[in-house]
């Protein structure tokens, strides 16, 4: 059973968002904030494997205007991997699809909680959400 110190949990969330702040163009911080606030609902509806797939799609986008979405999703998966110590490829949805169901389900649940923690920290780090 995975035991989490809530301070460690918050530290991972906070540091993950700081990485996004570094990677995403400053003009996209408010849009990234809106994406972060929707991750929990996204995972609840579609699952981590879809988040991974969309992250890859947006990372490869030709338009700089949507690339920030991929950066947010990929950083979320990297943060989740660091927090959980579960090995999966952040850039390969197949590694999540092929995962043991019990492990995937637990990871998915942890991801929802991490997304909620990100939502808590996102405004002080990236600013108020801007709707697209």
N, C-alpha and C. Protein backbone atom coordinates (compact mmCIF):
# COMPACT_ATOMS: atom_id res chain seq x y z
N UNK A 1 0.84 -1.18 0.00
CA UNK A 1 0.00 0.00 0.00
C UNK A 1 0.88 1.24 0.00
N UNK A 2 0.56 2.18 -0.86
CA UNK A 2 1.29 3.42 -0.99
C UNK A 2 0.84 4.39 0.11
N UNK A 3 1.79 4.88 0.88
CA UNK A 3 1.48 5.85 1.92
C UNK A 3 2.08 7.19 1.51
N UNK A 4 1.27 8.23 1.59
CA UNK A 4 1.69 9.55 1.16
C UNK A 4 1.70 10.53 2.31
N UNK A 5 2.77 11.28 2.41
CA UNK A 5 2.85 12.42 3.30
C UNK A 5 2.20 13.57 2.53
N UNK A 6 1.20 14.21 3.10
CA UNK A 6 0.49 15.27 2.36
C UNK A 6 1.41 16.41 1.96
N UNK A 7 2.45 16.67 2.74
CA UNK A 7 3.41 17.71 2.37
C UNK A 7 4.20 17.30 1.14
N UNK A 8 4.56 16.04 1.06
CA UNK A 8 5.28 15.53 -0.10
C UNK A 8 4.38 15.58 -1.33
N UNK A 9 3.13 15.22 -1.15
CA UNK A 9 2.14 15.28 -2.22
C UNK A 9 2.03 16.71 -2.76
N UNK A 10 1.90 17.67 -1.86
CA UNK A 10 1.82 19.09 -2.26
C UNK A 10 3.10 19.56 -2.93
N UNK A 11 4.24 19.10 -2.43
CA UNK A 11 5.52 19.50 -3.02
C UNK A 11 5.61 19.04 -4.46
N UNK A 12 5.21 17.80 -4.73
CA UNK A 12 5.23 17.30 -6.11
C UNK A 12 4.32 18.13 -7.01
N UNK A 13 3.13 18.44 -6.52
CA UNK A 13 2.19 19.24 -7.31
C UNK A 13 2.77 20.63 -7.57
N UNK A 14 3.26 21.26 -6.54
CA UNK A 14 3.82 22.61 -6.65
C UNK A 14 4.99 22.64 -7.62
N UNK A 15 5.91 21.70 -7.47
CA UNK A 15 7.08 21.67 -8.34
C UNK A 15 6.72 21.35 -9.79
N UNK A 16 5.73 20.49 -9.99
CA UNK A 16 5.27 20.20 -11.34
C UNK A 16 4.73 21.44 -12.04
N UNK A 17 3.99 22.24 -11.30
CA UNK A 17 3.45 23.48 -11.86
C UNK A 17 4.55 24.50 -12.12
N UNK A 18 5.57 24.53 -11.29
CA UNK A 18 6.71 25.42 -11.56
C UNK A 18 7.40 25.04 -12.85
N UNK A 19 7.48 23.74 -13.13
CA UNK A 19 8.07 23.27 -14.39
C UNK A 19 7.23 23.75 -15.58
N UNK A 20 5.92 23.71 -15.43
CA UNK A 20 5.05 24.21 -16.50
C UNK A 20 5.29 25.69 -16.73
N UNK A 21 5.42 26.42 -15.65
CA UNK A 21 5.67 27.87 -15.76
C UNK A 21 6.95 28.14 -16.55
N UNK A 22 7.95 27.31 -16.39
CA UNK A 22 9.20 27.47 -17.12
C UNK A 22 9.05 27.10 -18.60
N UNK A 23 8.28 26.05 -18.88
CA UNK A 23 8.19 25.50 -20.23
C UNK A 23 7.21 26.23 -21.14
N UNK A 24 6.12 26.71 -20.57
CA UNK A 24 5.04 27.32 -21.35
C UNK A 24 5.33 28.81 -21.54
N UNK A 25 5.05 29.29 -22.74
CA UNK A 25 5.22 30.73 -23.00
C UNK A 25 4.41 31.51 -21.98
N UNK A 26 4.96 32.62 -21.51
CA UNK A 26 4.27 33.42 -20.50
C UNK A 26 2.90 33.89 -20.99
N UNK A 27 2.76 34.09 -22.28
CA UNK A 27 1.46 34.51 -22.83
C UNK A 27 0.41 33.40 -22.74
N UNK A 28 0.85 32.17 -22.49
CA UNK A 28 -0.07 31.04 -22.38
C UNK A 28 -0.32 30.58 -20.94
N UNK A 29 0.23 31.28 -19.96
CA UNK A 29 0.07 30.85 -18.57
C UNK A 29 -1.39 30.76 -18.14
N UNK A 30 -2.20 31.76 -18.51
CA UNK A 30 -3.60 31.74 -18.10
C UNK A 30 -4.37 30.62 -18.79
N UNK A 31 -4.03 30.34 -20.06
CA UNK A 31 -4.68 29.23 -20.77
C UNK A 31 -4.27 27.90 -20.14
N UNK A 32 -2.99 27.79 -19.79
CA UNK A 32 -2.51 26.57 -19.13
C UNK A 32 -3.21 26.38 -17.79
N UNK A 33 -3.47 27.48 -17.10
CA UNK A 33 -4.18 27.40 -15.83
C UNK A 33 -5.57 26.80 -16.02
N UNK A 34 -6.25 27.18 -17.09
CA UNK A 34 -7.58 26.61 -17.38
C UNK A 34 -7.48 25.13 -17.67
N UNK A 35 -6.45 24.71 -18.40
CA UNK A 35 -6.26 23.29 -18.71
C UNK A 35 -6.02 22.50 -17.42
N UNK A 36 -5.18 23.02 -16.55
CA UNK A 36 -4.88 22.35 -15.28
C UNK A 36 -6.15 22.15 -14.47
N UNK A 37 -7.00 23.15 -14.43
CA UNK A 37 -8.22 23.06 -13.64
C UNK A 37 -9.20 22.03 -14.19
N UNK A 38 -9.02 21.61 -15.43
CA UNK A 38 -9.89 20.61 -16.01
C UNK A 38 -9.34 19.20 -16.04
N UNK A 39 -8.10 19.01 -15.57
CA UNK A 39 -7.47 17.69 -15.65
C UNK A 39 -8.21 16.64 -14.83
N UNK A 40 -8.67 16.98 -13.66
CA UNK A 40 -9.36 16.00 -12.81
C UNK A 40 -10.60 15.45 -13.52
N UNK A 41 -11.41 16.33 -14.09
CA UNK A 41 -12.60 15.89 -14.81
C UNK A 41 -12.21 15.09 -16.06
N UNK A 42 -11.15 15.49 -16.72
CA UNK A 42 -10.70 14.79 -17.92
C UNK A 42 -10.33 13.34 -17.58
N UNK A 43 -9.52 13.17 -16.54
CA UNK A 43 -9.08 11.83 -16.15
C UNK A 43 -10.28 11.00 -15.68
N UNK A 44 -11.18 11.61 -14.93
CA UNK A 44 -12.37 10.88 -14.46
C UNK A 44 -13.21 10.37 -15.62
N UNK A 45 -13.26 11.14 -16.68
CA UNK A 45 -14.08 10.77 -17.84
C UNK A 45 -13.35 9.84 -18.80
N UNK A 46 -12.10 10.16 -19.14
CA UNK A 46 -11.40 9.46 -20.21
C UNK A 46 -10.25 8.57 -19.76
N UNK A 47 -9.65 8.85 -18.62
CA UNK A 47 -8.54 8.04 -18.13
C UNK A 47 -7.17 8.59 -18.52
N UNK A 48 -6.17 8.05 -17.86
CA UNK A 48 -4.80 8.50 -18.08
C UNK A 48 -4.28 8.20 -19.48
N UNK A 49 -4.68 7.07 -20.04
CA UNK A 49 -4.17 6.71 -21.36
C UNK A 49 -4.61 7.73 -22.40
N UNK A 50 -5.81 8.27 -22.28
CA UNK A 50 -6.27 9.30 -23.21
C UNK A 50 -5.55 10.62 -22.97
N UNK A 51 -5.28 10.93 -21.70
CA UNK A 51 -4.52 12.14 -21.38
C UNK A 51 -3.14 12.07 -22.03
N UNK A 52 -2.52 10.92 -21.94
CA UNK A 52 -1.21 10.71 -22.55
C UNK A 52 -1.30 10.89 -24.07
N UNK A 53 -2.28 10.30 -24.69
CA UNK A 53 -2.45 10.41 -26.13
C UNK A 53 -2.68 11.84 -26.58
N UNK A 54 -3.51 12.57 -25.86
CA UNK A 54 -3.75 13.97 -26.20
C UNK A 54 -2.49 14.81 -25.96
N UNK A 55 -1.76 14.49 -24.91
CA UNK A 55 -0.51 15.21 -24.66
C UNK A 55 0.45 15.08 -25.83
N UNK A 56 0.57 13.88 -26.36
CA UNK A 56 1.45 13.66 -27.51
C UNK A 56 0.94 14.40 -28.74
N UNK A 57 -0.36 14.36 -28.95
CA UNK A 57 -0.96 15.05 -30.10
C UNK A 57 -0.64 16.55 -30.05
N UNK A 58 -0.83 17.15 -28.91
CA UNK A 58 -0.59 18.59 -28.78
C UNK A 58 0.89 18.94 -28.81
N UNK A 59 1.74 18.07 -28.29
CA UNK A 59 3.19 18.34 -28.35
C UNK A 59 3.68 18.39 -29.79
N UNK A 60 3.05 17.60 -30.65
CA UNK A 60 3.46 17.54 -32.06
C UNK A 60 2.70 18.53 -32.93
N UNK A 61 1.85 19.34 -32.32
CA UNK A 61 1.05 20.30 -33.08
C UNK A 61 1.96 21.31 -33.78
N UNK A 62 1.57 21.67 -34.95
CA UNK A 62 2.34 22.66 -35.71
C UNK A 62 2.16 24.06 -35.13
N UNK A 63 1.02 24.28 -34.54
CA UNK A 63 0.70 25.60 -34.01
C UNK A 63 1.22 25.78 -32.59
N UNK A 64 1.94 26.85 -32.38
CA UNK A 64 2.41 27.18 -31.02
C UNK A 64 1.22 27.48 -30.10
N UNK A 65 0.10 27.83 -30.71
CA UNK A 65 -1.07 28.23 -29.92
C UNK A 65 -1.69 27.09 -29.12
N UNK A 66 -1.41 25.85 -29.47
CA UNK A 66 -1.97 24.72 -28.71
C UNK A 66 -0.89 23.84 -28.08
N UNK A 67 0.35 24.10 -28.35
CA UNK A 67 1.43 23.26 -27.83
C UNK A 67 1.48 23.26 -26.30
N UNK A 68 1.05 24.34 -25.68
CA UNK A 68 1.07 24.41 -24.21
C UNK A 68 0.24 23.28 -23.59
N UNK A 69 -0.84 22.86 -24.27
CA UNK A 69 -1.66 21.78 -23.73
C UNK A 69 -0.85 20.50 -23.58
N UNK A 70 -0.07 20.19 -24.59
CA UNK A 70 0.79 19.01 -24.53
C UNK A 70 1.82 19.11 -23.43
N UNK A 71 2.37 20.31 -23.25
CA UNK A 71 3.36 20.51 -22.19
C UNK A 71 2.74 20.31 -20.82
N UNK A 72 1.52 20.79 -20.64
CA UNK A 72 0.82 20.61 -19.36
C UNK A 72 0.56 19.13 -19.11
N UNK A 73 0.00 18.43 -20.09
CA UNK A 73 -0.33 17.02 -19.93
C UNK A 73 0.92 16.17 -19.69
N UNK A 74 1.98 16.43 -20.44
CA UNK A 74 3.20 15.65 -20.27
C UNK A 74 3.83 15.90 -18.91
N UNK A 75 3.84 17.15 -18.45
CA UNK A 75 4.40 17.44 -17.13
C UNK A 75 3.55 16.81 -16.04
N UNK A 76 2.25 16.78 -16.23
CA UNK A 76 1.39 16.12 -15.25
C UNK A 76 1.76 14.64 -15.13
N UNK A 77 1.93 13.98 -16.27
CA UNK A 77 2.28 12.56 -16.25
C UNK A 77 3.65 12.32 -15.62
N UNK A 78 4.60 13.20 -15.89
CA UNK A 78 5.94 13.08 -15.28
C UNK A 78 5.85 13.26 -13.76
N UNK A 79 5.05 14.22 -13.33
CA UNK A 79 4.88 14.45 -11.90
C UNK A 79 4.21 13.24 -11.24
N UNK A 80 3.20 12.70 -11.91
CA UNK A 80 2.52 11.51 -11.40
C UNK A 80 3.48 10.33 -11.29
N UNK A 81 4.31 10.16 -12.27
CA UNK A 81 5.27 9.06 -12.25
C UNK A 81 6.26 9.21 -11.10
N UNK A 82 6.75 10.43 -10.88
CA UNK A 82 7.68 10.68 -9.77
C UNK A 82 7.01 10.41 -8.43
N UNK A 83 5.77 10.85 -8.31
CA UNK A 83 5.03 10.69 -7.06
C UNK A 83 4.72 9.23 -6.77
N UNK A 84 4.30 8.51 -7.79
CA UNK A 84 3.83 7.13 -7.59
C UNK A 84 4.94 6.09 -7.59
N UNK A 85 6.06 6.40 -8.19
CA UNK A 85 7.15 5.43 -8.39
C UNK A 85 6.70 4.22 -9.22
N UNK A 86 5.69 4.41 -10.05
CA UNK A 86 5.22 3.38 -10.96
C UNK A 86 5.81 3.68 -12.33
N UNK A 87 6.45 2.70 -12.89
CA UNK A 87 7.13 2.89 -14.17
C UNK A 87 6.15 2.79 -15.34
N UNK A 88 6.08 3.85 -16.11
CA UNK A 88 5.32 3.88 -17.36
C UNK A 88 5.95 4.95 -18.24
N UNK A 89 5.75 4.84 -19.52
CA UNK A 89 6.32 5.81 -20.46
C UNK A 89 5.34 6.97 -20.61
N UNK A 90 5.77 8.16 -20.23
CA UNK A 90 4.92 9.34 -20.31
C UNK A 90 4.60 9.71 -21.76
N UNK A 91 5.38 9.20 -22.68
CA UNK A 91 5.17 9.52 -24.09
C UNK A 91 4.67 8.32 -24.89
N UNK A 92 4.05 7.36 -24.20
CA UNK A 92 3.53 6.17 -24.86
C UNK A 92 2.27 5.70 -24.14
N UNK A 93 1.12 6.02 -24.73
CA UNK A 93 -0.15 5.63 -24.11
C UNK A 93 -0.26 4.12 -23.98
N UNK A 94 0.43 3.38 -24.85
CA UNK A 94 0.40 1.93 -24.79
C UNK A 94 0.94 1.37 -23.49
N UNK A 95 1.88 2.09 -22.87
CA UNK A 95 2.41 1.61 -21.60
C UNK A 95 1.35 1.68 -20.50
N UNK A 96 0.42 2.60 -20.62
CA UNK A 96 -0.68 2.69 -19.66
C UNK A 96 -1.79 1.70 -20.01
N UNK A 97 -2.06 1.54 -21.30
CA UNK A 97 -3.10 0.60 -21.74
C UNK A 97 -2.72 -0.83 -21.38
N UNK A 98 -1.44 -1.17 -21.50
CA UNK A 98 -0.98 -2.52 -21.23
C UNK A 98 -0.71 -2.81 -19.76
N UNK A 99 -0.89 -1.84 -18.92
CA UNK A 99 -0.63 -1.99 -17.49
C UNK A 99 -1.66 -2.91 -16.84
N UNK A 100 -1.26 -3.63 -15.80
CA UNK A 100 -2.17 -4.44 -15.01
C UNK A 100 -3.35 -3.57 -14.56
N UNK A 101 -4.56 -4.09 -14.66
CA UNK A 101 -5.76 -3.31 -14.37
C UNK A 101 -5.76 -2.74 -12.96
N UNK A 102 -5.36 -3.52 -11.99
CA UNK A 102 -5.37 -3.04 -10.60
C UNK A 102 -4.38 -1.89 -10.42
N UNK A 103 -3.21 -2.01 -11.03
CA UNK A 103 -2.21 -0.94 -10.94
C UNK A 103 -2.72 0.31 -11.65
N UNK A 104 -3.27 0.12 -12.85
CA UNK A 104 -3.79 1.25 -13.62
C UNK A 104 -4.91 1.97 -12.86
N UNK A 105 -5.81 1.23 -12.28
CA UNK A 105 -6.93 1.82 -11.55
C UNK A 105 -6.43 2.63 -10.36
N UNK A 106 -5.47 2.10 -9.63
CA UNK A 106 -4.88 2.83 -8.51
C UNK A 106 -4.15 4.08 -8.97
N UNK A 107 -3.42 3.96 -10.07
CA UNK A 107 -2.70 5.11 -10.63
C UNK A 107 -3.68 6.17 -11.11
N UNK A 108 -4.76 5.75 -11.72
CA UNK A 108 -5.78 6.67 -12.19
C UNK A 108 -6.39 7.45 -11.01
N UNK A 109 -6.66 6.74 -9.92
CA UNK A 109 -7.22 7.39 -8.72
C UNK A 109 -6.23 8.38 -8.12
N UNK A 110 -4.97 7.99 -8.05
CA UNK A 110 -3.93 8.90 -7.56
C UNK A 110 -3.83 10.12 -8.47
N UNK A 111 -3.95 9.93 -9.77
CA UNK A 111 -3.89 11.02 -10.73
C UNK A 111 -5.01 12.03 -10.50
N UNK A 112 -6.20 11.55 -10.17
CA UNK A 112 -7.32 12.45 -9.91
C UNK A 112 -7.02 13.32 -8.69
N UNK A 113 -6.45 12.71 -7.66
CA UNK A 113 -6.10 13.48 -6.46
C UNK A 113 -4.97 14.47 -6.75
N UNK A 114 -4.00 14.05 -7.55
CA UNK A 114 -2.92 14.96 -7.92
C UNK A 114 -3.48 16.13 -8.74
N UNK A 115 -4.41 15.85 -9.63
CA UNK A 115 -5.03 16.91 -10.43
C UNK A 115 -5.76 17.92 -9.53
N UNK A 116 -6.39 17.43 -8.50
CA UNK A 116 -7.08 18.33 -7.56
C UNK A 116 -6.06 19.20 -6.82
N UNK A 117 -4.94 18.62 -6.48
CA UNK A 117 -3.90 19.39 -5.80
C UNK A 117 -3.31 20.43 -6.76
N UNK A 118 -3.15 20.07 -8.01
CA UNK A 118 -2.68 21.03 -9.02
C UNK A 118 -3.66 22.20 -9.12
N UNK A 119 -4.96 21.89 -9.10
CA UNK A 119 -5.97 22.94 -9.18
C UNK A 119 -5.84 23.93 -8.02
N UNK A 120 -5.47 23.41 -6.86
CA UNK A 120 -5.29 24.27 -5.69
C UNK A 120 -4.13 25.25 -5.90
N UNK A 121 -3.02 24.76 -6.44
CA UNK A 121 -1.81 25.56 -6.57
C UNK A 121 -1.72 26.38 -7.86
N UNK A 122 -2.55 26.09 -8.84
CA UNK A 122 -2.35 26.68 -10.16
C UNK A 122 -2.51 28.20 -10.20
N UNK A 123 -3.45 28.75 -9.48
CA UNK A 123 -3.67 30.20 -9.55
C UNK A 123 -2.47 30.98 -9.01
N UNK A 124 -1.92 30.63 -7.84
CA UNK A 124 -0.76 31.39 -7.39
C UNK A 124 0.47 31.25 -8.31
N UNK A 125 0.55 30.15 -9.04
CA UNK A 125 1.74 29.92 -9.88
C UNK A 125 1.55 30.43 -11.30
N UNK A 126 0.43 30.10 -11.92
CA UNK A 126 0.23 30.47 -13.33
C UNK A 126 -0.78 31.61 -13.52
N UNK A 127 -1.53 31.94 -12.51
CA UNK A 127 -2.51 33.03 -12.63
C UNK A 127 -3.92 32.49 -12.83
N UNK A 128 -4.85 33.40 -12.84
CA UNK A 128 -6.26 33.06 -13.05
C UNK A 128 -6.45 32.44 -14.41
N UNK A 129 -7.35 31.50 -14.50
CA UNK A 129 -7.63 30.80 -15.75
C UNK A 129 -8.26 31.74 -16.77
N UNK A 130 -7.80 31.57 -18.01
CA UNK A 130 -8.41 32.27 -19.14
C UNK A 130 -9.12 31.24 -19.98
N UNK A 131 -10.38 31.45 -20.21
CA UNK A 131 -11.14 30.52 -21.03
C UNK A 131 -10.84 30.78 -22.49
N UNK A 132 -10.72 29.67 -23.24
CA UNK A 132 -10.41 29.79 -24.66
C UNK A 132 -11.62 30.21 -25.44
